[in-house]
């Protein structure tokens, strides 16, 4: 699998969101990487589902800006 990764947003508590694009399948996902101290697990979600759920959050707005370039 050949992927392209672009940073979307980093929160003040250390959580990160990145856009992951699988070049071979032309599929894009948003990967949430929680900060270490939260004990959370990395999760991936389809871009459209992410925008429906988190479209107005800071990370959602940052993704919209990235996609509009």
N, C-alpha and C. Protein backbone atom coordinates (compact mmCIF):
# COMPACT_ATOMS: atom_id res chain seq x y z
N UNK A 1 0.85 -1.17 0.00
CA UNK A 1 0.00 0.00 0.00
C UNK A 1 0.90 1.24 0.00
N UNK A 2 0.62 2.13 -0.93
CA UNK A 2 1.35 3.39 -1.02
C UNK A 2 0.43 4.47 -0.49
N UNK A 3 0.89 5.17 0.55
CA UNK A 3 0.04 6.19 1.16
C UNK A 3 0.73 7.54 1.16
N UNK A 4 -0.10 8.54 1.19
CA UNK A 4 0.33 9.93 1.30
C UNK A 4 -0.33 10.46 2.57
N UNK A 5 0.44 11.08 3.45
CA UNK A 5 -0.07 11.57 4.73
C UNK A 5 0.15 13.08 4.81
N UNK A 6 -0.93 13.80 5.15
CA UNK A 6 -0.84 15.26 5.31
C UNK A 6 -1.40 15.63 6.68
N UNK A 7 -0.68 16.44 7.44
CA UNK A 7 -1.21 16.88 8.73
C UNK A 7 -2.44 17.76 8.53
N UNK A 8 -3.44 17.57 9.40
CA UNK A 8 -4.65 18.39 9.36
C UNK A 8 -4.64 19.39 10.50
N UNK A 9 -4.49 18.87 11.74
CA UNK A 9 -4.66 19.72 12.92
C UNK A 9 -4.02 19.07 14.13
N UNK A 10 -3.45 19.89 14.99
CA UNK A 10 -2.93 19.43 16.29
C UNK A 10 -3.58 20.28 17.38
N UNK A 11 -4.18 19.63 18.36
CA UNK A 11 -4.85 20.36 19.43
C UNK A 11 -3.84 20.74 20.52
N UNK A 12 -4.27 21.62 21.40
CA UNK A 12 -3.39 22.07 22.48
C UNK A 12 -3.07 20.95 23.47
N UNK A 13 -3.90 19.90 23.50
CA UNK A 13 -3.62 18.79 24.42
C UNK A 13 -2.76 17.70 23.79
N UNK A 14 -2.36 17.91 22.53
CA UNK A 14 -1.46 16.97 21.88
C UNK A 14 -2.11 15.98 20.94
N UNK A 15 -3.45 16.00 20.82
CA UNK A 15 -4.10 15.15 19.83
C UNK A 15 -3.75 15.65 18.43
N UNK A 16 -3.65 14.70 17.50
CA UNK A 16 -3.33 15.06 16.11
C UNK A 16 -4.32 14.38 15.16
N UNK A 17 -4.61 15.07 14.07
CA UNK A 17 -5.43 14.51 13.01
C UNK A 17 -4.63 14.64 11.72
N UNK A 18 -4.60 13.56 10.94
CA UNK A 18 -3.89 13.57 9.67
C UNK A 18 -4.79 12.98 8.59
N UNK A 19 -4.60 13.45 7.36
CA UNK A 19 -5.30 12.92 6.21
C UNK A 19 -4.42 11.85 5.60
N UNK A 20 -4.96 10.65 5.46
CA UNK A 20 -4.22 9.52 4.90
C UNK A 20 -4.88 9.16 3.59
N UNK A 21 -4.10 9.18 2.51
CA UNK A 21 -4.63 8.85 1.18
C UNK A 21 -3.91 7.63 0.65
N UNK A 22 -4.67 6.57 0.37
CA UNK A 22 -4.12 5.36 -0.24
C UNK A 22 -4.13 5.59 -1.74
N UNK A 23 -2.96 5.77 -2.31
CA UNK A 23 -2.83 6.10 -3.72
C UNK A 23 -3.33 4.96 -4.61
N UNK A 24 -3.10 3.72 -4.18
CA UNK A 24 -3.50 2.57 -5.01
C UNK A 24 -5.01 2.43 -5.12
N UNK A 25 -5.74 2.69 -4.03
CA UNK A 25 -7.20 2.54 -4.05
C UNK A 25 -7.92 3.87 -4.19
N UNK A 26 -7.18 4.98 -4.12
CA UNK A 26 -7.73 6.33 -4.18
C UNK A 26 -8.72 6.58 -3.04
N UNK A 27 -8.46 5.98 -1.89
CA UNK A 27 -9.33 6.14 -0.72
C UNK A 27 -8.64 7.04 0.30
N UNK A 28 -9.41 7.95 0.89
CA UNK A 28 -8.87 8.85 1.90
C UNK A 28 -9.58 8.64 3.23
N UNK A 29 -8.79 8.74 4.30
CA UNK A 29 -9.28 8.58 5.67
C UNK A 29 -8.70 9.67 6.54
N UNK A 30 -9.38 9.96 7.63
CA UNK A 30 -8.83 10.84 8.66
C UNK A 30 -8.37 9.94 9.81
N UNK A 31 -7.12 10.10 10.19
CA UNK A 31 -6.57 9.34 11.32
C UNK A 31 -6.45 10.27 12.52
N UNK A 32 -7.06 9.88 13.63
CA UNK A 32 -6.94 10.62 14.88
C UNK A 32 -5.90 9.91 15.73
N UNK A 33 -4.88 10.64 16.12
CA UNK A 33 -3.81 10.10 16.97
C UNK A 33 -3.90 10.82 18.32
N UNK A 34 -4.49 10.17 19.32
CA UNK A 34 -4.65 10.84 20.62
C UNK A 34 -3.30 11.02 21.32
N UNK A 35 -3.26 11.98 22.23
CA UNK A 35 -2.02 12.20 22.98
C UNK A 35 -1.75 10.98 23.85
N UNK A 36 -0.50 10.77 24.17
CA UNK A 36 -0.09 9.58 24.91
C UNK A 36 -0.74 9.48 26.29
N UNK A 37 -0.87 10.59 26.96
CA UNK A 37 -1.38 10.56 28.33
C UNK A 37 -2.87 10.20 28.40
N UNK A 38 -3.59 10.36 27.30
CA UNK A 38 -5.03 10.04 27.32
C UNK A 38 -5.28 8.54 27.30
N UNK A 39 -4.30 7.80 26.83
CA UNK A 39 -4.46 6.35 26.78
C UNK A 39 -5.36 5.89 25.66
N UNK A 40 -5.80 6.82 24.81
CA UNK A 40 -6.68 6.46 23.70
C UNK A 40 -5.94 5.73 22.60
N UNK A 41 -6.70 5.16 21.71
CA UNK A 41 -6.13 4.42 20.59
C UNK A 41 -6.33 5.19 19.30
N UNK A 42 -5.37 5.06 18.40
CA UNK A 42 -5.48 5.67 17.09
C UNK A 42 -6.70 5.10 16.38
N UNK A 43 -7.44 5.97 15.73
CA UNK A 43 -8.64 5.56 15.00
C UNK A 43 -8.66 6.21 13.63
N UNK A 44 -9.27 5.52 12.68
CA UNK A 44 -9.42 6.05 11.33
C UNK A 44 -10.89 6.08 10.96
N UNK A 45 -11.27 7.11 10.20
CA UNK A 45 -12.65 7.28 9.78
C UNK A 45 -12.66 7.84 8.37
N UNK A 46 -13.63 7.44 7.58
CA UNK A 46 -13.80 7.95 6.23
C UNK A 46 -13.95 9.47 6.26
N UNK A 47 -13.41 10.16 5.28
CA UNK A 47 -13.42 11.62 5.25
C UNK A 47 -14.85 12.16 5.32
N UNK A 48 -15.76 11.61 4.51
CA UNK A 48 -17.14 12.11 4.52
C UNK A 48 -17.80 11.92 5.87
N UNK A 49 -17.59 10.76 6.49
CA UNK A 49 -18.16 10.52 7.82
C UNK A 49 -17.57 11.47 8.85
N UNK A 50 -16.27 11.73 8.74
CA UNK A 50 -15.62 12.67 9.66
C UNK A 50 -16.23 14.06 9.54
N UNK A 51 -16.43 14.51 8.30
CA UNK A 51 -16.99 15.84 8.10
C UNK A 51 -18.43 15.93 8.59
N UNK A 52 -19.19 14.85 8.46
CA UNK A 52 -20.55 14.85 9.00
C UNK A 52 -20.54 14.94 10.52
N UNK A 53 -19.61 14.25 11.14
CA UNK A 53 -19.55 14.18 12.60
C UNK A 53 -18.84 15.39 13.21
N UNK A 54 -17.72 15.80 12.61
CA UNK A 54 -16.85 16.82 13.20
C UNK A 54 -16.60 18.02 12.29
N UNK A 55 -17.47 18.24 11.33
CA UNK A 55 -17.24 19.26 10.31
C UNK A 55 -17.08 20.68 10.82
N UNK A 56 -17.69 20.99 11.95
CA UNK A 56 -17.61 22.36 12.48
C UNK A 56 -16.59 22.50 13.61
N UNK A 57 -15.92 21.42 13.97
CA UNK A 57 -14.87 21.46 14.99
C UNK A 57 -13.61 22.09 14.39
N UNK A 58 -12.65 22.49 15.20
CA UNK A 58 -11.41 23.05 14.64
C UNK A 58 -10.72 22.09 13.66
N UNK A 59 -10.70 20.78 13.98
CA UNK A 59 -10.07 19.83 13.08
C UNK A 59 -10.90 19.64 11.80
N UNK A 60 -12.22 19.73 11.92
CA UNK A 60 -13.08 19.64 10.74
C UNK A 60 -12.90 20.84 9.82
N UNK A 61 -12.83 22.02 10.41
CA UNK A 61 -12.61 23.23 9.62
C UNK A 61 -11.23 23.21 8.95
N UNK A 62 -10.24 22.68 9.67
CA UNK A 62 -8.89 22.58 9.09
C UNK A 62 -8.88 21.58 7.92
N UNK A 63 -9.64 20.50 8.04
CA UNK A 63 -9.72 19.53 6.94
C UNK A 63 -10.42 20.17 5.74
N UNK A 64 -11.50 20.90 5.98
CA UNK A 64 -12.18 21.57 4.88
C UNK A 64 -11.24 22.53 4.15
N UNK A 65 -10.44 23.27 4.90
CA UNK A 65 -9.48 24.20 4.30
C UNK A 65 -8.43 23.43 3.48
N UNK A 66 -7.96 22.32 4.01
CA UNK A 66 -6.95 21.52 3.31
C UNK A 66 -7.53 20.96 2.01
N UNK A 67 -8.77 20.49 2.05
CA UNK A 67 -9.38 19.89 0.87
C UNK A 67 -9.73 20.92 -0.20
N UNK A 68 -9.88 22.17 0.21
CA UNK A 68 -10.25 23.22 -0.76
C UNK A 68 -9.05 23.78 -1.52
N UNK A 69 -7.85 23.36 -1.15
CA UNK A 69 -6.63 23.87 -1.82
C UNK A 69 -6.46 23.23 -3.17
